[in-house]
Amino acid sequence: MREKFNAFPQFKFWLNKGKQHFNRIPILIWLNIITIVILSLLSIYAKIKSKGAGIESLFSDPFYVGMFYLGWFTSISEIMWCVAIAISLFSAILLPPANRRFKIFLFVSALIMLLLFFDDRFRLTLIMCAFFGTCKLVKLSVYTLYGVVLIFYAWAFRSTIRHTPYIPLLLSFCLFGFSSAIDITPISSRGIHAMLEDGTKLVGLINLTIYFWWICQHEIKKNIVQKQ
């Protein structure tokens, strides 16, 4: 087994790097495990009991009062967006002017998250689909634009991000990309489609939120120590 890992030095490097970064934020390890286990158990249950439509309902908008669990996971995702945005903006305002580069990083991060949140919450992409008619083309164009924005964001703040445990941030970007790809992929099973699209986005949001919570509180604590 060790020889196989040695044959892929890049994989081993990123595996070790991921372990180091996640070990710095232990709570994130448990949150990821618990979320994935819950989603996996629900997927198995839906497969055995043919409850794919019920799984989809967990990620649906809560418009139908006859099903009390309708849209629960969607609501949790929206809360995670709001928490990450609030933490970033509050910390950017709280930090002193000496942390100018980090403050700009947090402000820009919050603006990008606000853009993604508004699209997710108010269905801006779907509204454009209704106007232009070609939904798949609209989604592909919008998701490509978001991808370019995230790549430019990562490049512009690479020096700042490099000094943080950035693997959770990178993981969240990958999961958002995967979720977007599933959104434009025709999958017949409603339960599988909902789990792959919205389930992966939920895991990505957990990583994103905890990442910004950790780096913000770490930066604030560092400034308090310096003042003392």
C-alpha atoms as a PDB file:
ATOM      1  CA  MET A   1       0.000   0.000   0.000  1.00  0.00           C
ATOM      2  CA  ARG A   2       2.860   2.386   0.839  1.00  0.00           C
ATOM      3  CA  GLU A   3       4.423   1.782  -2.581  1.00  0.00           C
ATOM      4  CA  LYS A   4       1.172   2.821  -4.238  1.00  0.00           C
ATOM      5  CA  PHE A   5       1.156   6.119  -2.350  1.00  0.00           C
ATOM      6  CA  ASN A   6       4.808   6.709  -3.266  1.00  0.00           C
ATOM      7  CA  ALA A   7       3.841   6.325  -6.910  1.00  0.00           C
ATOM      8  CA  PHE A   8       1.614   9.359  -6.582  1.00  0.00           C
ATOM      9  CA  PRO A   9       3.708  12.008  -4.765  1.00  0.00           C
ATOM     10  CA  GLN A  10       1.242  14.810  -5.527  1.00  0.00           C
ATOM     11  CA  PHE A  11      -1.640  12.829  -4.042  1.00  0.00           C
ATOM     12  CA  LYS A  12       0.430  12.072  -0.946  1.00  0.00           C
ATOM     13  CA  PHE A  13       1.433  15.742  -0.650  1.00  0.00           C
ATOM     14  CA  TRP A  14      -2.162  16.994  -0.771  1.00  0.00           C
ATOM     15  CA  LEU A  15      -3.320  14.208   1.540  1.00  0.00           C
ATOM     16  CA  ASN A  16      -0.742  15.208   4.160  1.00  0.00           C
ATOM     17  CA  LYS A  17      -1.495  18.885   3.628  1.00  0.00           C
ATOM     18  CA  GLY A  18      -5.213  18.217   4.067  1.00  0.00           C
ATOM     19  CA  LYS A  19      -4.562  16.282   7.301  1.00  0.00           C
ATOM     20  CA  GLN A  20      -2.435  19.122   8.684  1.00  0.00           C
ATOM     21  CA  HIS A  21      -5.035  21.768   7.869  1.00  0.00           C
ATOM     22  CA  PHE A  22      -8.032  19.822   9.117  1.00  0.00           C
ATOM     23  CA  ASN A  23      -6.155  18.925  12.323  1.00  0.00           C
ATOM     24  CA  ARG A  24      -5.866  22.655  12.978  1.00  0.00           C
ATOM     25  CA  ILE A  25      -9.684  22.886  12.891  1.00  0.00           C
ATOM     26  CA  PRO A  26     -10.838  19.663  14.643  1.00  0.00           C
ATOM     27  CA  ILE A  27     -14.498  20.680  14.782  1.00  0.00           C
ATOM     28  CA  LEU A  28     -14.573  20.714  10.981  1.00  0.00           C
ATOM     29  CA  ILE A  29     -13.552  17.046  10.845  1.00  0.00           C
ATOM     30  CA  TRP A  30     -16.507  16.012  13.002  1.00  0.00           C
ATOM     31  CA  LEU A  31     -18.994  18.263  11.216  1.00  0.00           C
ATOM     32  CA  ASN A  32     -17.963  16.823   7.846  1.00  0.00           C
ATOM     33  CA  ILE A  33     -18.195  13.249   9.122  1.00  0.00           C
ATOM     34  CA  ILE A  34     -21.581  13.744  10.804  1.00  0.00           C
ATOM     35  CA  THR A  35     -23.057  15.496   7.743  1.00  0.00           C
ATOM     36  CA  ILE A  36     -21.778  12.889   5.288  1.00  0.00           C
ATOM     37  CA  VAL A  37     -22.998  10.025   7.504  1.00  0.00           C
ATOM     38  CA  ILE A  38     -26.489  11.561   7.791  1.00  0.00           C
ATOM     39  CA  LEU A  39     -26.709  12.195   4.035  1.00  0.00           C
ATOM     40  CA  SER A  40     -25.425   8.681   3.296  1.00  0.00           C
ATOM     41  CA  LEU A  41     -27.965   7.051   5.630  1.00  0.00           C
ATOM     42  CA  LEU A  42     -30.765   9.064   4.036  1.00  0.00           C
ATOM     43  CA  SER A  43     -29.572   8.008   0.578  1.00  0.00           C
ATOM     44  CA  ILE A  44     -29.504   4.333   1.579  1.00  0.00           C
ATOM     45  CA  TYR A  45     -32.966   4.613   3.129  1.00  0.00           C
ATOM     46  CA  ALA A  46     -34.338   6.323   0.005  1.00  0.00           C
ATOM     47  CA  LYS A  47     -32.809   3.642  -2.226  1.00  0.00           C
ATOM     48  CA  ILE A  48     -34.214   0.760  -0.179  1.00  0.00           C
ATOM     49  CA  LYS A  49     -37.651   2.287   0.373  1.00  0.00           C
ATOM     50  CA  SER A  50     -37.861   4.048  -3.032  1.00  0.00           C
ATOM     51  CA  LYS A  51     -38.206   7.406  -1.295  1.00  0.00           C
ATOM     52  CA  GLY A  52     -36.265   9.521  -3.780  1.00  0.00           C
ATOM     53  CA  ALA A  53     -39.052  12.096  -3.961  1.00  0.00           C
ATOM     54  CA  GLY A  54     -38.959  12.412  -0.155  1.00  0.00           C
ATOM     55  CA  ILE A  55     -35.213  13.069  -0.213  1.00  0.00           C
ATOM     56  CA  GLU A  56     -35.722  15.745  -2.822  1.00  0.00           C
ATOM     57  CA  SER A  57     -38.310  17.371  -0.576  1.00  0.00           C
ATOM     58  CA  LEU A  58     -35.668  17.896   2.128  1.00  0.00           C
ATOM     59  CA  PHE A  59     -33.927  20.296  -0.254  1.00  0.00           C
ATOM     60  CA  SER A  60     -37.101  21.881  -1.646  1.00  0.00           C
ATOM     61  CA  ASP A  61     -38.480  25.282  -0.849  1.00  0.00           C
ATOM     62  CA  PRO A  62     -40.851  25.170   2.176  1.00  0.00           C
ATOM     63  CA  PHE A  63     -44.062  26.170   0.406  1.00  0.00           C
ATOM     64  CA  TYR A  64     -46.202  23.118   1.178  1.00  0.00           C
ATOM     65  CA  VAL A  65     -47.330  22.936   4.824  1.00  0.00           C
ATOM     66  CA  GLY A  66     -48.487  19.332   4.494  1.00  0.00           C
ATOM     67  CA  MET A  67     -44.877  18.113   4.795  1.00  0.00           C
ATOM     68  CA  PHE A  68     -43.187  19.569   7.879  1.00  0.00           C
ATOM     69  CA  TYR A  69     -39.666  18.638   6.711  1.00  0.00           C
ATOM     70  CA  LEU A  70     -40.019  20.291   3.303  1.00  0.00           C
ATOM     71  CA  GLY A  71     -36.966  22.416   2.556  1.00  0.00           C
ATOM     72  CA  TRP A  72     -35.138  21.783   5.843  1.00  0.00           C
ATOM     73  CA  PHE A  73     -31.730  21.297   4.221  1.00  0.00           C
ATOM     74  CA  THR A  74     -32.299  24.249   1.908  1.00  0.00           C
ATOM     75  CA  SER A  75     -33.035  26.432   4.938  1.00  0.00           C
ATOM     76  CA  ILE A  76     -29.901  25.159   6.710  1.00  0.00           C
ATOM     77  CA  SER A  77     -27.849  26.021   3.611  1.00  0.00           C
ATOM     78  CA  GLU A  78     -29.240  29.542   3.599  1.00  0.00           C
ATOM     79  CA  ILE A  79     -28.401  29.943   7.288  1.00  0.00           C
ATOM     80  CA  MET A  80     -24.832  28.805   6.623  1.00  0.00           C
ATOM     81  CA  TRP A  81     -24.497  31.416   3.875  1.00  0.00           C
ATOM     82  CA  CYS A  82     -25.712  34.127   6.244  1.00  0.00           C
ATOM     83  CA  VAL A  83     -23.398  33.035   9.075  1.00  0.00           C
ATOM     84  CA  ALA A  84     -20.299  33.031   6.833  1.00  0.00           C
ATOM     85  CA  ILE A  85     -21.173  36.443   5.381  1.00  0.00           C
ATOM     86  CA  ALA A  86     -21.938  37.964   8.794  1.00  0.00           C
ATOM     87  CA  ILE A  87     -18.712  36.664  10.349  1.00  0.00           C
ATOM     88  CA  SER A  88     -16.610  37.998   7.477  1.00  0.00           C
ATOM     89  CA  LEU A  89     -18.184  41.455   7.445  1.00  0.00           C
ATOM     90  CA  PHE A  90     -18.163  41.807  11.234  1.00  0.00           C
ATOM     91  CA  SER A  91     -14.517  40.752  11.497  1.00  0.00           C
ATOM     92  CA  ALA A  92     -13.468  43.029   8.628  1.00  0.00           C
ATOM     93  CA  ILE A  93     -15.029  45.987  10.422  1.00  0.00           C
ATOM     94  CA  LEU A  94     -13.637  44.955  13.805  1.00  0.00           C
ATOM     95  CA  LEU A  95     -10.008  44.510  12.703  1.00  0.00           C
ATOM     96  CA  PRO A  96      -7.716  47.572  12.935  1.00  0.00           C
ATOM     97  CA  PRO A  97      -6.466  49.460   9.821  1.00  0.00           C
ATOM     98  CA  ALA A  98      -3.073  47.779  10.207  1.00  0.00           C
ATOM     99  CA  ASN A  99      -4.699  44.582   8.906  1.00  0.00           C
ATOM    100  CA  ARG A 100      -5.678  46.287   5.649  1.00  0.00           C
ATOM    101  CA  ARG A 101      -4.877  43.342   3.371  1.00  0.00           C
ATOM    102  CA  PHE A 102      -6.818  40.876   5.504  1.00  0.00           C
ATOM    103  CA  LYS A 103      -9.741  43.323   5.833  1.00  0.00           C
ATOM    104  CA  ILE A 104      -9.963  43.655   2.045  1.00  0.00           C
ATOM    105  CA  PHE A 105      -9.817  39.875   1.740  1.00  0.00           C
ATOM    106  CA  LEU A 106     -12.766  39.507   4.122  1.00  0.00           C
ATOM    107  CA  PHE A 107     -14.791  42.261   2.427  1.00  0.00           C
ATOM    108  CA  VAL A 108     -14.305  40.755  -1.035  1.00  0.00           C
ATOM    109  CA  SER A 109     -15.060  37.275   0.319  1.00  0.00           C
ATOM    110  CA  ALA A 110     -18.303  38.564   1.826  1.00  0.00           C
ATOM    111  CA  LEU A 111     -19.309  40.260  -1.447  1.00  0.00           C
ATOM    112  CA  ILE A 112     -18.742  37.070  -3.444  1.00  0.00           C
ATOM    113  CA  MET A 113     -20.662  35.022  -0.898  1.00  0.00           C
ATOM    114  CA  LEU A 114     -23.487  37.588  -1.013  1.00  0.00           C
ATOM    115  CA  LEU A 115     -23.668  37.210  -4.786  1.00  0.00           C
ATOM    116  CA  LEU A 116     -23.857  33.427  -4.549  1.00  0.00           C
ATOM    117  CA  PHE A 117     -26.338  33.602  -1.677  1.00  0.00           C
ATOM    118  CA  PHE A 118     -28.687  35.974  -3.507  1.00  0.00           C
ATOM    119  CA  ASP A 119     -28.621  33.713  -6.546  1.00  0.00           C
ATOM    120  CA  ASP A 120     -29.282  30.674  -4.369  1.00  0.00           C
ATOM    121  CA  ARG A 121     -31.992  32.291  -2.245  1.00  0.00           C
ATOM    122  CA  PHE A 122     -33.853  34.335  -4.857  1.00  0.00           C
ATOM    123  CA  ARG A 123     -33.282  31.912  -7.771  1.00  0.00           C
ATOM    124  CA  LEU A 124     -31.739  34.606  -9.996  1.00  0.00           C
ATOM    125  CA  THR A 125     -30.401  32.049 -12.473  1.00  0.00           C
ATOM    126  CA  LEU A 126     -33.831  30.411 -12.763  1.00  0.00           C
ATOM    127  CA  ILE A 127     -35.407  33.832 -13.327  1.00  0.00           C
ATOM    128  CA  MET A 128     -32.996  34.396 -16.221  1.00  0.00           C
ATOM    129  CA  CYS A 129     -33.938  30.955 -17.532  1.00  0.00           C
ATOM    130  CA  ALA A 130     -37.568  32.056 -17.605  1.00  0.00           C
ATOM    131  CA  PHE A 131     -36.643  35.199 -19.561  1.00  0.00           C
ATOM    132  CA  PHE A 132     -34.278  33.630 -22.107  1.00  0.00           C
ATOM    133  CA  GLY A 133     -35.891  30.207 -22.415  1.00  0.00           C
ATOM    134  CA  THR A 134     -32.685  28.195 -22.926  1.00  0.00           C
ATOM    135  CA  CYS A 135     -32.207  27.161 -19.300  1.00  0.00           C
ATOM    136  CA  LYS A 136     -29.221  24.863 -19.799  1.00  0.00           C
ATOM    137  CA  LEU A 137     -27.280  27.512 -21.730  1.00  0.00           C
ATOM    138  CA  VAL A 138     -28.119  30.179 -19.140  1.00  0.00           C
ATOM    139  CA  LYS A 139     -27.010  27.971 -16.257  1.00  0.00           C
ATOM    140  CA  LEU A 140     -23.797  26.990 -18.040  1.00  0.00           C
ATOM    141  CA  SER A 141     -22.981  30.665 -18.704  1.00  0.00           C
ATOM    142  CA  VAL A 142     -23.746  31.775 -15.136  1.00  0.00           C
ATOM    143  CA  TYR A 143     -21.813  28.901 -13.524  1.00  0.00           C
ATOM    144  CA  THR A 144     -18.859  29.546 -15.811  1.00  0.00           C
ATOM    145  CA  LEU A 145     -18.902  33.210 -14.773  1.00  0.00           C
ATOM    146  CA  TYR A 146     -18.965  32.225 -11.106  1.00  0.00           C
ATOM    147  CA  GLY A 147     -16.073  29.842 -11.701  1.00  0.00           C
ATOM    148  CA  VAL A 148     -14.006  32.602 -13.318  1.00  0.00           C
ATOM    149  CA  VAL A 149     -14.803  34.939 -10.400  1.00  0.00           C
ATOM    150  CA  LEU A 150     -13.689  32.323  -7.848  1.00  0.00           C
ATOM    151  CA  ILE A 151     -10.476  31.575  -9.763  1.00  0.00           C
ATOM    152  CA  PHE A 152      -9.626  35.278  -9.979  1.00  0.00           C
ATOM    153  CA  TYR A 153     -10.479  35.689  -6.282  1.00  0.00           C
ATOM    154  CA  ALA A 154      -8.166  32.818  -5.314  1.00  0.00           C
ATOM    155  CA  TRP A 155      -5.379  34.231  -7.495  1.00  0.00           C
ATOM    156  CA  ALA A 156      -5.755  37.820  -6.222  1.00  0.00           C
ATOM    157  CA  PHE A 157      -5.612  36.764  -2.544  1.00  0.00           C
ATOM    158  CA  ARG A 158      -3.286  33.767  -2.924  1.00  0.00           C
ATOM    159  CA  SER A 159      -0.713  35.183  -0.504  1.00  0.00           C
ATOM    160  CA  THR A 160      -3.346  35.755   2.199  1.00  0.00           C
ATOM    161  CA  ILE A 161      -5.063  32.406   1.638  1.00  0.00           C
ATOM    162  CA  ARG A 162      -1.744  30.553   1.697  1.00  0.00           C
ATOM    163  CA  HIS A 163      -1.203  31.575   5.336  1.00  0.00           C
ATOM    164  CA  THR A 164      -4.517  30.024   6.395  1.00  0.00           C
ATOM    165  CA  PRO A 165      -5.657  26.370   6.549  1.00  0.00           C
ATOM    166  CA  TYR A 166      -6.986  26.756   3.002  1.00  0.00           C
ATOM    167  CA  ILE A 167      -7.850  23.125   2.182  1.00  0.00           C
ATOM    168  CA  PRO A 168     -11.450  23.500   3.526  1.00  0.00           C
ATOM    169  CA  LEU A 169     -11.853  26.599   1.326  1.00  0.00           C
ATOM    170  CA  LEU A 170     -10.509  24.720  -1.696  1.00  0.00           C
ATOM    171  CA  LEU A 171     -12.792  21.794  -0.878  1.00  0.00           C
ATOM    172  CA  SER A 172     -15.830  24.067  -0.724  1.00  0.00           C
ATOM    173  CA  PHE A 173     -14.970  25.522  -4.164  1.00  0.00           C
ATOM    174  CA  CYS A 174     -14.693  22.003  -5.618  1.00  0.00           C
ATOM    175  CA  LEU A 175     -18.013  20.947  -4.078  1.00  0.00           C
ATOM    176  CA  PHE A 176     -19.751  24.078  -5.417  1.00  0.00           C
ATOM    177  CA  GLY A 177     -18.372  23.297  -8.871  1.00  0.00           C
ATOM    178  CA  PHE A 178     -19.557  19.693  -8.611  1.00  0.00           C
ATOM    179  CA  SER A 179     -23.008  20.840  -7.460  1.00  0.00           C
ATOM    180  CA  SER A 180     -23.259  23.215 -10.431  1.00  0.00           C
ATOM    181  CA  ALA A 181     -22.223  20.460 -12.838  1.00  0.00           C
ATOM    182  CA  ILE A 182     -24.892  18.132 -11.449  1.00  0.00           C
ATOM    183  CA  ASP A 183     -27.496  20.895 -11.829  1.00  0.00           C
ATOM    184  CA  ILE A 184     -27.087  20.831 -15.626  1.00  0.00           C
ATOM    185  CA  THR A 185     -26.660  17.043 -15.834  1.00  0.00           C
ATOM    186  CA  PRO A 186     -29.800  15.050 -16.669  1.00  0.00           C
ATOM    187  CA  ILE A 187     -30.302  12.461 -13.897  1.00  0.00           C
ATOM    188  CA  SER A 188     -33.574  10.544 -13.872  1.00  0.00           C
ATOM    189  CA  SER A 189     -33.670   9.807 -10.127  1.00  0.00           C
ATOM    190  CA  ARG A 190     -34.945  12.854  -8.242  1.00  0.00           C
ATOM    191  CA  GLY A 191     -33.458  11.686  -4.933  1.00  0.00           C
ATOM    192  CA  ILE A 192     -29.974  11.075  -6.360  1.00  0.00           C
ATOM    193  CA  HIS A 193     -30.054  14.390  -8.229  1.00  0.00           C
ATOM    194  CA  ALA A 194     -31.060  16.301  -5.074  1.00  0.00           C
ATOM    195  CA  MET A 195     -28.446  14.545  -2.950  1.00  0.00           C
ATOM    196  CA  LEU A 196     -25.611  15.080  -5.440  1.00  0.00           C
ATOM    197  CA  GLU A 197     -26.514  18.704  -6.157  1.00  0.00           C
ATOM    198  CA  ASP A 198     -27.805  20.084  -2.862  1.00  0.00           C
ATOM    199  CA  GLY A 199     -26.103  17.596  -0.539  1.00  0.00           C
ATOM    200  CA  THR A 200     -22.633  18.427  -1.854  1.00  0.00           C
ATOM    201  CA  LYS A 201     -23.440  22.138  -1.678  1.00  0.00           C
ATOM    202  CA  LEU A 202     -24.438  21.737   1.983  1.00  0.00           C
ATOM    203  CA  VAL A 203     -21.123  20.039   2.814  1.00  0.00           C
ATOM    204  CA  GLY A 204     -19.304  22.793   0.910  1.00  0.00           C
ATOM    205  CA  LEU A 205     -21.119  25.468   2.906  1.00  0.00           C
ATOM    206  CA  ILE A 206     -20.201  23.818   6.196  1.00  0.00           C
ATOM    207  CA  ASN A 207     -16.523  23.914   5.208  1.00  0.00           C
ATOM    208  CA  LEU A 208     -16.815  27.492   3.955  1.00  0.00           C
ATOM    209  CA  THR A 209     -18.541  28.760   7.106  1.00  0.00           C
ATOM    210  CA  ILE A 210     -16.200  27.069   9.577  1.00  0.00           C
ATOM    211  CA  TYR A 211     -13.183  28.198   7.539  1.00  0.00           C
ATOM    212  CA  PHE A 212     -14.142  31.875   7.802  1.00  0.00           C
ATOM    213  CA  TRP A 213     -15.155  31.477  11.441  1.00  0.00           C
ATOM    214  CA  TRP A 214     -11.732  30.006  12.250  1.00  0.00           C
ATOM    215  CA  ILE A 215      -9.546  32.471  10.321  1.00  0.00           C
ATOM    216  CA  CYS A 216     -11.508  35.481  11.640  1.00  0.00           C
ATOM    217  CA  GLN A 217     -11.336  34.487  15.302  1.00  0.00           C
ATOM    218  CA  HIS A 218      -7.655  33.553  14.864  1.00  0.00           C
ATOM    219  CA  GLU A 219      -6.853  36.980  13.373  1.00  0.00           C
ATOM    220  CA  ILE A 220      -8.793  38.827  16.078  1.00  0.00           C
ATOM    221  CA  LYS A 221      -7.078  36.857  18.855  1.00  0.00           C
ATOM    222  CA  LYS A 222      -3.693  37.609  17.284  1.00  0.00           C
ATOM    223  CA  ASN A 223      -4.412  41.339  17.332  1.00  0.00           C
ATOM    224  CA  ILE A 224      -5.533  41.189  20.967  1.00  0.00           C
ATOM    225  CA  VAL A 225      -2.287  39.463  21.960  1.00  0.00           C
ATOM    226  CA  GLN A 226      -0.215  42.039  20.064  1.00  0.00           C
ATOM    227  CA  LYS A 227      -1.944  44.900  21.862  1.00  0.00           C
ATOM    228  CA  GLN A 228      -1.203  43.327  25.240  1.00  0.00           C
END
